[in-house]
Protein backbone atom coordinates (compact mmCIF):
# COMPACT_ATOMS: atom_id res chain seq x y z
CA MET A 1 17.83 6.76 2.48
CA SER A 2 17.26 10.44 1.84
CA LYS A 3 20.55 11.70 2.93
CA PRO A 4 21.97 11.50 -0.75
CA ALA A 5 19.31 14.08 -1.53
CA GLY A 6 20.30 16.45 1.30
CA LEU A 7 17.84 15.55 4.06
CA PRO A 8 18.99 14.86 7.51
CA ASP A 9 18.78 11.64 9.34
CA PHE A 10 17.18 11.49 12.77
CA ARG A 11 20.16 12.67 14.58
CA LYS A 12 20.86 15.58 12.28
CA LEU A 13 17.17 16.55 12.30
CA VAL A 14 17.54 16.84 16.16
CA ILE A 15 20.41 18.99 15.95
CA ASP A 16 18.85 21.23 13.41
CA VAL A 17 15.89 21.60 15.61
CA TYR A 18 18.04 22.66 18.49
CA GLU A 19 19.88 25.17 16.43
CA LYS A 20 16.63 26.90 16.00
CA LEU A 21 14.99 26.57 19.21
CA ASP A 22 17.61 26.24 22.01
CA THR A 23 21.24 27.44 21.09
CA GLY A 24 22.56 26.38 24.54
CA VAL A 25 21.91 22.75 24.23
CA HIS A 26 22.79 22.89 20.47
CA ALA A 27 26.28 24.08 21.42
CA VAL A 28 26.70 21.27 23.86
CA VAL A 29 25.65 18.47 21.43
CA THR A 30 27.71 19.79 18.49
CA GLY A 31 30.65 20.62 20.74
CA SER A 32 31.31 17.22 22.08
CA ASP A 33 30.92 13.64 20.98
CA ASP A 34 28.56 11.09 22.47
CA ASN A 35 31.17 9.73 24.99
CA GLU A 36 31.83 13.24 26.51
CA PRO A 37 29.63 15.17 28.74
CA GLY A 38 30.45 18.49 27.50
CA ASP A 39 30.19 21.85 29.36
CA LEU A 40 26.83 21.61 31.04
CA SER A 41 27.30 24.60 33.61
CA ASP A 42 24.88 26.90 31.83
CA LEU A 43 22.13 24.42 31.28
CA THR A 44 19.02 23.71 33.43
CA SER A 45 18.31 20.12 34.81
CA GLN A 46 15.79 19.65 32.08
CA GLN A 47 18.27 20.62 29.40
CA ILE A 48 20.99 18.32 30.86
CA ALA A 49 18.44 15.47 30.96
CA GLU A 50 17.94 16.20 27.20
CA VAL A 51 21.66 16.25 26.34
CA ARG A 52 22.04 12.89 28.09
CA ARG A 53 19.10 11.33 26.09
CA PHE A 54 20.71 12.67 23.02
CA LYS A 55 24.11 11.23 23.83
CA ARG A 56 22.27 7.77 24.20
CA ARG A 57 20.74 8.35 20.78
CA ASP A 58 17.19 8.22 22.16
CA TYR A 59 16.13 11.05 19.63
CA ASP A 60 12.52 10.34 19.81
CA VAL A 61 12.62 10.76 23.57
CA VAL A 62 14.75 13.98 23.15
CA LEU A 63 12.31 15.67 20.87
CA GLY A 64 9.49 14.66 23.16
CA MET A 65 11.20 16.18 26.08
CA LEU A 66 12.05 19.25 24.18
CA GLU A 67 8.38 19.71 22.97
CA ARG A 68 6.95 19.27 26.56
CA ARG A 69 9.54 21.70 27.93
CA ILE A 70 9.10 24.76 25.52
CA ASP A 71 5.37 23.99 24.31
CA ASP A 72 3.96 22.93 27.70
CA LYS A 73 0.92 21.02 26.10
CA PRO A 74 2.25 19.39 22.84
CA SER A 75 -0.08 19.81 19.89
CA GLY A 76 -0.10 19.85 16.20
CA THR A 77 0.88 23.62 16.33
CA SER A 78 3.74 23.17 18.73
CA ARG A 79 6.97 25.13 18.01
CA VAL A 80 8.95 21.73 17.87
CA ARG A 81 6.58 20.34 15.23
CA ALA A 82 6.66 23.48 13.17
CA THR A 83 10.47 23.46 13.30
CA VAL A 84 10.66 19.95 12.29
CA ALA A 85 8.52 20.51 9.13
CA GLU A 86 10.69 23.76 8.47
CA VAL A 87 13.96 21.97 8.59
CA LEU A 88 12.57 19.12 6.26
CA ARG A 89 11.07 21.47 3.75
CA ALA A 90 14.22 23.39 3.65
CA ALA A 91 16.25 20.38 2.73
CA GLY A 92 16.44 18.56 -0.57
CA THR A 93 13.51 18.26 -2.79
CA LYS A 94 15.00 16.19 -5.74
CA PRO A 95 14.91 12.59 -5.38
CA ALA A 96 18.32 10.67 -5.52
CA PRO A 97 18.95 7.72 -7.74
CA ILE A 98 18.20 5.31 -4.96
CA HIS A 99 14.53 6.55 -4.81
CA LYS A 100 14.16 5.93 -8.51
CA ALA A 101 15.63 2.39 -8.17
CA LEU A 102 13.33 1.72 -5.20
CA MET A 103 10.24 2.95 -7.14
CA ARG A 104 11.03 0.52 -10.00
CA LEU A 105 11.31 -2.20 -7.65
CA ALA A 106 8.07 -1.32 -5.91
CA ASP A 107 6.23 -2.33 -8.95
CA ARG A 108 4.98 -5.75 -8.48
CA GLY A 109 2.78 -5.80 -11.59
CA GLY A 110 -0.64 -4.39 -11.63
CA ALA A 111 0.11 -2.40 -8.47
CA SER A 112 3.02 -0.52 -6.79
CA ALA A 113 3.47 -0.34 -2.96
CA ILE A 114 6.25 0.91 -0.89
CA VAL A 115 6.21 1.60 2.83
CA THR A 116 8.49 4.26 4.44
CA THR A 117 8.91 5.89 7.82
CA ASN A 118 10.29 8.93 6.19
CA PHE A 119 8.23 12.15 6.18
CA ASP A 120 9.61 13.54 2.83
CA LEU A 121 8.07 13.01 -0.58
CA LEU A 122 11.18 12.08 -2.54
CA LEU A 123 9.66 8.70 -3.36
CA GLN A 124 6.84 10.33 -5.18
CA GLY A 125 9.47 12.21 -7.33
CA GLY A 126 11.30 9.08 -7.89
CA ALA A 127 8.11 7.69 -9.54
CA ASN A 128 8.14 10.40 -12.29
CA GLY A 129 7.34 9.19 -15.64
CA ARG A 130 5.39 6.25 -14.19
CA ALA A 131 1.86 5.85 -13.29
CA LYS A 132 0.84 8.34 -10.60
CA LEU A 133 0.83 6.77 -7.07
CA GLN A 134 -1.41 7.77 -4.29
CA THR A 135 0.30 8.97 -1.16
CA TYR A 136 -1.14 7.71 2.16
CA SER A 137 -0.22 8.23 5.78
CA LEU A 138 -1.09 7.01 9.22
CA GLY A 139 -4.67 6.06 9.57
CA GLY A 140 -5.39 6.51 5.89
CA ILE A 141 -3.17 3.72 4.82
CA PRO A 142 -4.99 0.89 3.18
CA ARG A 143 -5.03 -2.46 4.64
CA PRO A 144 -2.50 -4.94 3.17
CA GLY A 145 -3.65 -7.28 0.65
CA ARG A 146 -2.75 -8.74 -2.74
CA SER A 147 -5.29 -6.78 -4.79
CA GLY A 148 -4.47 -3.66 -6.56
CA ASP A 149 -6.21 -1.68 -3.89
CA PHE A 150 -3.07 -2.10 -1.73
CA SER A 151 -0.89 0.29 -3.54
CA GLY A 152 0.69 3.74 -3.32
CA ILE A 153 3.56 5.15 -1.21
CA LEU A 154 2.58 4.44 2.46
CA HIS A 155 3.93 6.76 5.05
CA ILE A 156 3.36 4.83 8.26
CA HIS A 157 4.94 7.78 10.48
CA GLY A 158 3.25 10.52 8.54
CA ALA A 159 4.21 12.62 5.52
CA LEU A 160 4.68 16.42 4.96
CA ASP A 161 1.73 18.04 3.19
CA ARG A 162 2.44 19.34 -0.17
CA ASN A 163 0.92 22.64 0.88
CA SER A 164 3.50 24.07 3.28
CA LYS A 165 0.70 26.19 5.08
CA ARG A 166 -0.88 23.09 6.29
CA ILE A 167 0.10 21.20 9.41
CA SER A 168 1.58 17.69 8.91
CA ASP A 169 0.78 15.03 11.44
CA LEU A 170 4.10 13.40 12.06
CA VAL A 171 5.15 10.61 14.37
CA PHE A 172 8.67 11.39 15.90
CA THR A 173 8.43 11.76 19.72
CA ASP A 174 8.34 9.11 22.32
CA GLN A 175 4.66 9.93 23.01
CA ASP A 176 3.77 9.78 19.14
CA PHE A 177 5.30 6.31 19.02
CA GLY A 178 3.41 5.30 22.27
CA GLU A 179 0.14 6.76 20.60
CA PHE A 180 0.43 4.99 17.20
CA TYR A 181 2.30 1.71 18.29
CA MET A 182 0.68 1.03 21.76
CA ARG A 183 -2.60 2.86 22.08
CA ARG A 184 -4.11 2.92 18.63
CA ARG A 185 -1.78 0.01 17.38
CA THR A 186 -2.11 1.38 13.85
CA VAL A 187 1.34 0.56 12.81
CA PRO A 188 1.89 -2.91 14.46
CA GLU A 189 -1.50 -4.14 12.89
CA PHE A 190 -0.33 -2.91 9.60
CA ILE A 191 3.08 -4.58 9.97
CA TYR A 192 1.46 -7.88 11.15
CA ASP A 193 -0.84 -8.16 8.18
CA ALA A 194 2.05 -7.23 5.67
CA ALA A 195 4.47 -9.71 7.13
CA ARG A 196 1.80 -12.49 6.42
CA LEU A 197 1.52 -11.54 2.88
CA PHE A 198 4.81 -10.43 1.75
CA HIS A 199 8.52 -10.79 2.27
CA LEU A 200 9.55 -7.35 3.95
CA VAL A 201 12.71 -5.97 2.88
CA LEU A 202 14.00 -3.08 5.12
CA ILE A 203 16.44 -0.61 3.43
CA GLY A 204 18.33 2.36 5.12
CA TYR A 205 17.94 1.59 8.88
CA SER A 206 20.23 0.57 11.73
CA ALA A 207 19.09 -1.54 14.40
CA ASP A 208 19.41 1.58 16.76
CA ASP A 209 17.14 3.85 14.79
CA PRO A 210 14.36 4.78 17.17
CA PRO A 211 11.66 4.02 14.49
CA MET A 212 13.39 0.61 13.72
CA ARG A 213 13.18 -0.33 17.44
CA TYR A 214 9.46 -0.09 17.44
CA LEU A 215 9.16 -1.75 14.15
CA LEU A 216 11.46 -4.59 15.34
CA ASN A 217 9.53 -5.07 18.61
CA ALA A 218 6.34 -5.28 16.63
CA ILE A 219 7.50 -7.81 14.28
CA ALA A 220 9.54 -9.99 16.70
CA ALA A 221 6.62 -10.07 19.17
CA ASP A 222 4.26 -11.45 16.46
CA GLY A 223 6.79 -13.93 15.00
CA VAL A 224 6.77 -15.66 18.48
CA ARG A 225 3.02 -16.12 18.27
CA PHE A 226 2.31 -16.98 14.70
CA ASP A 227 4.06 -19.26 12.25
CA ASP A 228 2.73 -17.78 9.05
CA LEU A 229 4.86 -14.79 8.90
CA LYS A 230 7.21 -14.47 5.69
CA GLU A 231 10.88 -14.32 6.20
CA ARG A 232 11.95 -10.58 6.70
CA PHE A 233 15.18 -9.12 5.34
CA THR A 234 17.30 -5.97 5.76
CA PHE A 235 20.39 -4.47 3.99
CA VAL A 236 22.86 -3.70 6.47
CA GLY A 237 25.88 -1.45 5.66
CA VAL A 238 29.29 -2.47 7.18
CA GLU A 239 32.61 -1.20 7.06
CA LYS A 240 34.09 -4.65 7.65
CA PRO A 241 32.66 -8.06 8.57
CA ASP A 242 30.64 -7.73 11.88
CA PRO A 243 29.21 -11.09 12.98
CA VAL A 244 27.95 -9.48 16.22
CA LEU A 245 25.81 -7.10 14.26
CA VAL A 246 24.43 -9.86 12.14
CA GLU A 247 23.42 -11.80 15.21
CA ASP A 248 21.86 -8.73 16.59
CA TRP A 249 19.57 -8.39 13.62
CA LYS A 250 18.85 -12.22 13.70
CA GLY A 251 17.79 -12.01 17.26
CA ARG A 252 15.20 -9.49 16.45
CA GLY A 253 13.61 -11.61 13.80
CA ILE A 254 15.31 -10.20 10.68
CA THR A 255 17.62 -11.85 8.19
CA PRO A 256 20.42 -9.42 7.44
CA ILE A 257 22.20 -8.93 4.11
CA ALA A 258 25.37 -7.21 4.77
CA TYR A 259 27.19 -4.97 2.20
CA ASP A 260 30.27 -2.73 1.99
CA SER A 261 29.11 0.80 3.08
CA LYS A 262 32.13 2.64 1.76
CA ASP A 263 31.78 5.45 -0.77
CA TYR A 264 28.44 6.46 0.82
CA HIS A 265 26.87 3.09 0.40
CA GLN A 266 27.51 3.00 -3.36
CA SER A 267 27.43 -0.82 -3.51
CA LEU A 268 23.82 -0.78 -2.17
CA LEU A 269 22.82 1.69 -4.94
CA ASN A 270 24.56 -0.37 -7.59
CA LEU A 271 22.73 -3.53 -6.20
CA LEU A 272 19.23 -1.89 -6.38
CA GLU A 273 19.68 -0.36 -9.67
CA ARG A 274 20.92 -3.81 -11.02
CA TRP A 275 18.02 -5.55 -9.31
CA ALA A 276 15.61 -3.03 -10.77
CA ASP A 277 17.20 -3.55 -14.33
CA LEU A 278 16.58 -7.21 -14.15
CA SER A 279 13.08 -7.03 -12.69
CA ALA A 280 10.41 -9.26 -14.32
CA VAL A 281 7.91 -6.47 -14.27
CA ASN A 282 9.69 -3.38 -15.59
CA GLY A 283 13.33 -4.22 -16.01
CA LYS A 284 15.41 -3.82 -19.19
CA PRO A 285 14.88 -6.74 -21.57
CA SER A 286 18.26 -6.32 -23.19
CA LYS A 287 20.15 -6.74 -19.83
CA VAL A 288 17.89 -9.74 -18.91
CA GLU A 289 18.76 -11.26 -22.33
CA ALA A 290 22.45 -10.62 -21.95
CA GLU A 291 22.39 -12.25 -18.48
CA VAL A 292 20.77 -15.47 -19.58
CA LYS A 293 23.11 -15.81 -22.71
CA ARG A 294 26.13 -15.19 -20.35
CA ILE A 295 24.96 -17.60 -17.67
CA VAL A 296 24.03 -20.66 -20.08
CA LYS A 297 27.47 -20.73 -21.63
CA THR A 298 28.49 -22.73 -18.55
CA PRO A 299 26.87 -26.19 -18.04
CA ARG A 300 24.47 -25.62 -15.10
CA ASN A 301 26.29 -28.20 -12.80
CA ALA A 302 29.40 -26.17 -13.19
CA ALA A 303 27.88 -22.70 -12.91
CA ASP A 304 28.24 -20.46 -9.86
CA GLU A 305 25.54 -20.68 -7.32
CA SER A 306 24.70 -16.94 -7.72
CA ASP A 307 24.19 -17.61 -11.53
CA ARG A 308 21.87 -20.49 -10.90
CA ASP A 309 20.00 -18.46 -8.46
CA LEU A 310 19.69 -15.49 -10.74
CA PHE A 311 18.60 -17.65 -13.83
CA ASP A 312 16.03 -19.30 -11.68
CA HIS A 313 14.85 -16.08 -10.39
CA LEU A 314 14.33 -14.48 -13.72
CA VAL A 315 12.44 -17.51 -14.93
CA ARG A 316 10.16 -17.73 -11.78
CA ARG A 317 9.31 -13.96 -11.71
CA GLY A 318 8.50 -13.91 -15.42
CA SER A 319 5.05 -14.43 -16.96
CA ALA A 320 4.26 -17.40 -19.09
CA SER A 321 5.26 -15.59 -22.15
CA GLU A 322 8.32 -14.41 -20.65
CA ARG A 323 9.51 -17.84 -19.53
CA VAL A 324 8.87 -19.14 -23.32
CA ARG A 325 11.00 -16.22 -24.50
CA LEU A 326 13.79 -17.13 -21.91
CA ALA A 327 13.57 -20.73 -23.03
CA GLY A 328 14.03 -19.72 -26.53
CA LEU A 329 17.01 -17.52 -25.59
CA ALA A 330 18.70 -20.30 -23.82
CA SER A 331 18.03 -22.76 -26.60
CA LYS A 332 19.56 -20.50 -29.20
CA ALA A 333 22.39 -20.02 -27.04
CA ARG A 334 22.92 -23.98 -27.03
CA ALA A 335 22.37 -24.09 -23.31
CA ASP A 336 22.80 -27.56 -21.87
CA ILE A 337 19.81 -29.69 -20.72
CA GLY A 338 20.38 -28.76 -17.20
CA TRP A 339 19.16 -25.09 -17.83
CA LEU A 340 16.27 -26.18 -19.91
CA ASP A 341 15.18 -28.72 -17.05
CA ALA A 342 15.31 -25.97 -14.58
CA ILE A 343 12.92 -23.85 -16.79
CA ALA A 344 10.59 -26.79 -17.00
CA GLU A 345 10.61 -27.50 -13.36
CA ILE A 346 9.93 -23.85 -12.37
CA THR A 347 7.17 -23.69 -14.93
CA SER A 348 5.61 -26.83 -13.47
CA GLU A 349 5.86 -25.35 -10.04
CA ARG A 350 4.24 -21.97 -11.22
CA ASP A 351 1.44 -23.92 -13.03
CA SER A 352 0.72 -25.94 -9.77
CA GLU A 353 0.46 -22.84 -7.61
CA ALA A 354 -1.95 -21.20 -10.01
CA SER A 355 -4.24 -24.20 -9.90
CA ALA A 356 -4.22 -24.76 -6.11
């Protein structure tokens, strides 16, 4: 998510930390790919174990092993933690367009809420020009609910403090994950509650990301025990159709939405920006009007399924006054009775939900 703004992904973060703390391991992991052992002759057994874990992409384990090796007794003031914060603070500080699009989509009307495993504060920057949002992290995150109290930018793995002199409590080693997922159960309990109230949409992850492995395990385990969880989705970037990857996500209790990842995931950005523009909460009315007028030129029974879905979405997500406005637009555009019937049916559904 934050790579377009200049920040490293988890793999690059580990490499950058080794560059500052252990040049020997850094030379091996950057001098060979994950399928090659590299020259290990000058490394200790502990360093070799870390290299092997790195090549298996167990980055949380690698940072934990490194911290235990060079800091002996890990603490909030360890050299590894200070270096992680240093690397992240030295990277990008200006939000990318995708952060701005996500913050527009995070507004559900009356409250804005978005959950992130990132430590950076780029989402906060992406909310500029909008109501100031509170930042919460770890144990300070509010309990999920439909009221306006459940709002803000929620860093479930911790957030960098705006004051660079303060120590940031971050979750990135295997022991950290064990603490917050297994012993305290802070994150799983949060995810369980959120999944019962909202449709969770994951953006910017691969199924192999260490944080995602823990999240998926938490969600999948709860899905087996309870039948009131909402459907969960993830956007998955692929270079070509990959049915195996799709089934891998499904097997973890997540519905994947595949997209073409070429040009640095440009199609995902285009999608999120278009989605935000058509938002019933804070979208661009002119674009919504243009879409409605375009769609209703074709009789409903002859329209593409995607156009029918978009039309229904715009009507369903709108307020009562917005539905009246859209009905007027459709009528002026000489829409056939099928489109008007759809508006009436959706309005009836919403009225029934409101009175239930």
